[in-house]
Protein backbone atom coordinates (compact mmCIF):
# COMPACT_ATOMS: atom_id res chain seq x y z
CA UNK A 1 -35.15 -6.48 -153.33
CA UNK A 2 -36.76 -4.83 -150.30
CA UNK A 3 -36.67 -8.09 -148.49
CA UNK A 4 -32.97 -8.35 -149.08
CA UNK A 5 -32.52 -4.81 -147.92
CA UNK A 6 -34.44 -5.53 -144.72
CA UNK A 7 -32.43 -8.75 -144.12
CA UNK A 8 -29.23 -6.87 -144.68
CA UNK A 9 -30.42 -4.00 -142.30
CA UNK A 10 -31.37 -6.51 -139.70
CA UNK A 11 -28.01 -8.34 -139.88
CA UNK A 12 -26.23 -4.90 -139.57
CA UNK A 13 -28.39 -4.01 -136.66
CA UNK A 14 -27.75 -7.47 -135.02
CA UNK A 15 -24.04 -7.14 -135.67
CA UNK A 16 -24.13 -3.64 -134.23
CA UNK A 17 -25.98 -4.80 -131.22
CA UNK A 18 -23.41 -7.70 -130.76
CA UNK A 19 -20.63 -5.32 -131.02
CA UNK A 20 -22.21 -2.99 -128.58
CA UNK A 21 -22.88 -5.71 -126.14
CA UNK A 22 -19.28 -6.96 -126.48
CA UNK A 23 -18.01 -3.46 -125.89
CA UNK A 24 -20.20 -3.14 -122.71
CA UNK A 25 -18.94 -6.64 -121.52
CA UNK A 26 -15.25 -5.57 -122.09
CA UNK A 27 -15.93 -2.33 -120.31
CA UNK A 28 -17.51 -4.23 -117.38
CA UNK A 29 -14.53 -6.59 -117.38
CA UNK A 30 -12.10 -3.66 -117.32
CA UNK A 31 -14.02 -2.04 -114.57
CA UNK A 32 -13.79 -5.21 -112.46
CA UNK A 33 -10.10 -5.46 -113.14
CA UNK A 34 -9.64 -1.80 -112.02
CA UNK A 35 -11.73 -2.49 -108.96
CA UNK A 36 -9.77 -5.66 -108.19
CA UNK A 37 -6.37 -3.88 -108.60
CA UNK A 38 -7.58 -0.93 -106.43
CA UNK A 39 -8.74 -3.43 -103.66
CA UNK A 40 -5.23 -5.11 -103.83
CA UNK A 41 -3.51 -1.82 -103.60
CA UNK A 42 -5.58 -0.72 -100.63
CA UNK A 43 -4.95 -3.92 -98.89
CA UNK A 44 -1.16 -3.58 -99.43
CA UNK A 45 -1.12 0.04 -98.22
CA UNK A 46 -2.98 -0.93 -95.07
CA UNK A 47 -0.47 -3.83 -94.56
CA UNK A 48 2.48 -1.52 -94.96
CA UNK A 49 0.89 1.10 -92.65
CA UNK A 50 0.11 -1.62 -90.04
CA UNK A 51 3.77 -2.93 -90.24
CA UNK A 52 5.19 0.63 -89.99
CA UNK A 53 2.98 1.36 -86.99
CA UNK A 54 3.91 -1.87 -85.26
CA UNK A 55 7.64 -1.15 -85.85
CA UNK A 56 7.23 2.36 -84.50
CA UNK A 57 5.32 1.03 -81.44
CA UNK A 58 8.04 -1.52 -80.83
CA UNK A 59 10.79 1.09 -81.08
CA UNK A 60 8.72 3.43 -78.84
CA UNK A 61 8.27 0.63 -76.29
CA UNK A 62 12.04 -0.03 -76.33
CA UNK A 63 12.76 3.64 -75.89
CA UNK A 64 10.38 3.82 -72.88
CA UNK A 65 12.07 0.74 -71.45
CA UNK A 66 15.50 2.51 -71.69
CA UNK A 67 14.05 5.58 -70.08
CA UNK A 68 12.66 3.51 -67.22
CA UNK A 69 16.16 1.87 -66.81
CA UNK A 70 17.93 5.24 -66.84
CA UNK A 71 15.39 6.61 -64.14
CA UNK A 72 16.14 3.49 -62.00
CA UNK A 73 19.86 4.09 -62.29
CA UNK A 74 19.37 7.78 -61.23
CA UNK A 75 17.42 6.46 -58.25
CA UNK A 76 20.17 4.02 -57.39
CA UNK A 77 22.77 6.78 -57.61
CA UNK A 78 20.75 8.99 -55.23
CA UNK A 79 20.41 6.10 -52.89
CA UNK A 80 24.14 5.49 -53.00
CA UNK A 81 24.84 9.16 -52.22
CA UNK A 82 22.42 8.96 -49.29
CA UNK A 83 23.94 5.74 -48.04
CA UNK A 84 27.43 7.15 -48.19
CA UNK A 85 26.36 10.26 -46.34
CA UNK A 86 24.84 8.12 -43.53
CA UNK A 87 27.84 5.85 -43.27
CA UNK A 88 30.13 8.89 -43.20
CA UNK A 89 28.09 10.47 -40.39
CA UNK A 90 28.11 7.15 -38.44
CA UNK A 91 31.89 6.92 -38.85
CA UNK A 92 32.32 10.46 -37.82
CA UNK A 93 30.47 9.74 -34.51
CA UNK A 94 33.01 6.92 -33.88
CA UNK A 95 35.81 9.31 -34.63
CA UNK A 96 36.57 7.87 -38.00
CA UNK A 97 36.86 10.38 -40.85
CA UNK A 98 37.76 9.40 -44.52
CA UNK A 99 40.49 11.45 -46.17
CA UNK A 100 39.51 14.34 -48.48
CA UNK A 101 40.80 12.39 -51.55
CA UNK A 102 38.09 9.75 -50.91
CA UNK A 103 35.46 12.35 -50.90
CA UNK A 104 36.82 13.96 -54.14
CA UNK A 105 37.08 10.53 -55.78
CA UNK A 106 33.50 9.68 -54.90
CA UNK A 107 32.11 13.03 -56.07
CA UNK A 108 34.02 12.70 -59.25
CA UNK A 109 32.59 9.32 -60.05
CA UNK A 110 29.06 10.44 -59.02
CA UNK A 111 29.20 13.52 -61.25
CA UNK A 112 30.48 11.49 -64.18
CA UNK A 113 27.62 9.05 -63.76
CA UNK A 114 25.12 11.82 -63.33
CA UNK A 115 26.35 13.48 -66.63
CA UNK A 116 26.15 10.21 -68.43
CA UNK A 117 22.61 9.51 -67.15
CA UNK A 118 21.52 13.05 -68.08
CA UNK A 119 22.83 12.66 -71.66
CA UNK A 120 21.08 9.35 -72.06
CA UNK A 121 17.83 10.86 -70.73
CA UNK A 122 18.00 13.67 -73.23
CA UNK A 123 18.76 11.30 -76.02
CA UNK A 124 15.83 8.87 -75.17
CA UNK A 125 13.49 11.89 -74.78
CA UNK A 126 14.54 13.15 -78.31
CA UNK A 127 13.88 9.60 -79.70
CA UNK A 128 10.53 9.56 -78.06
CA UNK A 129 9.50 12.97 -79.53
CA UNK A 130 10.68 11.90 -82.99
CA UNK A 131 8.66 8.70 -82.86
CA UNK A 132 5.57 10.52 -81.47
CA UNK A 133 5.77 12.96 -84.37
CA UNK A 134 6.03 10.15 -86.79
CA UNK A 135 3.07 8.29 -85.27
CA UNK A 136 1.05 11.48 -85.10
CA UNK A 137 1.86 12.21 -88.76
CA UNK A 138 0.80 8.69 -89.68
CA UNK A 139 -2.43 9.12 -87.72
CA UNK A 140 -3.08 12.41 -89.49
CA UNK A 141 -2.53 10.76 -92.81
CA UNK A 142 -5.00 8.05 -91.85
CA UNK A 143 -7.57 10.64 -90.85
CA UNK A 144 -6.94 12.37 -94.21
CA UNK A 145 -7.42 9.18 -96.06
CA UNK A 146 -10.65 8.45 -94.15
CA UNK A 147 -11.91 11.90 -94.94
CA UNK A 148 -11.05 11.50 -98.72
CA UNK A 149 -12.73 8.11 -98.72
CA UNK A 150 -15.86 9.65 -97.10
CA UNK A 151 -15.80 12.51 -99.64
CA UNK A 152 -15.39 10.01 -102.51
CA UNK A 153 -18.44 8.07 -101.23
CA UNK A 154 -20.33 11.31 -101.15
CA UNK A 155 -19.36 12.13 -104.70
CA UNK A 156 -20.34 8.64 -105.88
CA UNK A 157 -23.71 9.00 -104.14
CA UNK A 158 -24.35 12.29 -105.82
CA UNK A 159 -23.31 10.88 -109.15
CA UNK A 160 -25.60 7.91 -108.57
CA UNK A 161 -28.38 10.29 -107.88
CA UNK A 162 -27.59 12.25 -110.90
CA UNK A 163 -27.68 9.09 -112.99
CA UNK A 164 -30.96 8.11 -111.50
CA UNK A 165 -32.49 11.43 -112.34
CA UNK A 166 -31.05 11.38 -115.92
CA UNK A 167 -32.54 7.78 -116.25
CA UNK A 168 -35.91 9.07 -115.21
CA UNK A 169 -35.68 12.03 -117.64
CA UNK A 170 -33.95 10.40 -120.62
CA UNK A 171 -34.09 6.75 -120.11
CA UNK A 172 -31.47 4.15 -118.96
CA UNK A 173 -28.41 4.66 -121.17
CA UNK A 174 -27.70 0.83 -120.86
CA UNK A 175 -31.06 0.02 -122.13
CA UNK A 176 -31.28 2.72 -124.78
CA UNK A 177 -28.31 2.95 -127.32
CA UNK A 178 -27.14 6.17 -128.74
CA UNK A 179 -29.44 5.94 -131.77
CA UNK A 180 -32.44 5.79 -129.62
CA UNK A 181 -35.19 8.36 -130.22
CA UNK A 182 -34.53 10.07 -126.84
CA UNK A 183 -30.97 10.80 -127.72
CA UNK A 184 -31.55 14.09 -129.66
CA UNK A 185 -33.63 15.36 -126.67
CA UNK A 186 -30.83 14.44 -124.29
CA UNK A 187 -28.26 16.14 -126.42
CA UNK A 188 -30.58 19.25 -126.53
CA UNK A 189 -30.98 19.50 -122.78
CA UNK A 190 -27.32 18.76 -122.04
CA UNK A 191 -25.81 20.88 -124.79
CA UNK A 192 -24.64 23.48 -122.21
CA UNK A 193 -22.33 20.93 -120.70
CA UNK A 194 -20.45 20.55 -124.05
CA UNK A 195 -20.70 23.94 -125.66
CA UNK A 196 -19.76 27.30 -124.21
CA UNK A 197 -21.86 29.27 -126.80
CA UNK A 198 -24.91 27.06 -125.88
CA UNK A 199 -24.29 27.83 -122.19
CA UNK A 200 -24.15 31.55 -122.82
CA UNK A 201 -27.33 31.35 -124.91
CA UNK A 202 -29.23 29.38 -122.40
CA UNK A 203 -28.07 31.69 -119.61
CA UNK A 204 -29.00 34.67 -121.63
CA UNK A 205 -32.56 33.24 -122.04
CA UNK A 206 -32.82 32.54 -118.28
CA UNK A 207 -31.54 36.09 -117.52
CA UNK A 208 -34.47 37.57 -119.42
CA UNK A 209 -36.83 36.38 -116.69
CA UNK A 210 -34.90 37.94 -113.86
CA UNK A 211 -36.99 39.99 -111.43
CA UNK A 212 -36.17 41.72 -108.11
CA UNK A 213 -36.04 39.38 -105.01
CA UNK A 214 -39.27 40.91 -103.64
CA UNK A 215 -41.20 40.32 -106.72
CA UNK A 216 -44.44 38.64 -105.84
CA UNK A 217 -44.07 36.13 -108.75
CA UNK A 218 -40.39 35.68 -108.46
CA UNK A 219 -38.77 32.38 -107.65
CA UNK A 220 -35.27 30.87 -107.57
CA UNK A 221 -33.73 28.98 -110.45
CA UNK A 222 -33.89 25.31 -109.54
CA UNK A 223 -30.35 23.93 -108.76
CA UNK A 224 -31.08 20.80 -110.77
CA UNK A 225 -33.49 19.02 -113.00
CA UNK A 226 -37.13 19.42 -112.22
CA UNK A 227 -38.46 15.93 -111.97
CA UNK A 228 -42.02 15.27 -113.31
CA UNK A 229 -44.72 14.45 -110.83
CA UNK A 230 -45.70 10.81 -110.30
CA UNK A 231 -48.45 9.43 -112.61
CA UNK A 232 -51.83 9.94 -111.27
CA UNK A 233 -53.55 7.20 -113.42
CA UNK A 234 -52.61 4.05 -115.13
CA UNK A 235 -52.72 5.55 -118.64
CA UNK A 236 -50.27 8.20 -117.75
CA UNK A 237 -48.10 5.57 -116.00
CA UNK A 238 -47.92 3.39 -119.24
CA UNK A 239 -46.73 6.47 -121.12
CA UNK A 240 -43.99 7.30 -118.61
CA UNK A 241 -42.66 3.79 -118.75
């Protein structure tokens, strides 16, 4: 009878271990899928940002080309005014003077062109400012994303350090299932993370030892777990393992 019970218990334990291993494998597979989807999303976002920046740069280049063309037209208009003035002075020295209507027509045409070029210049400057604002906003978003990525890496690093410390104190959770003997101790030392009354009780017990800052035997509460010292001999080392 006892043998049958032991066999049944072993089968149950084996089945539980298989289910636990299957659950861990499924979780690993799900984590891989999440990581793959995240990588694809990041690549797509970077491609969209690259395309948007390329389009904005292309439009900005076109606007600058239009600005250069407008400036060249303004220079040509000034050169025409200077040329007409020189020709008018040369004709005047020969006794030939154009009628006032010709001067008025020329000035009217020049003023009309000058107004047109001024409006175009203002329009192109407004377009350039808008594009620059968009590009600067995109650069700011890129800097923000880089900062968030850096902060995420720092958080992951801290979490990894915490997992390593917890592993040293309570054992590797992947190697030791929940029913392991260390689990009650783990639950005891981490109870304040899951229970407000436990947190208050632990804090109350800590507060009983508060002393003034200048007390000769006073010390600060450690910000994290106090790790045990490294083993000083082989016997101790085997027990720690």
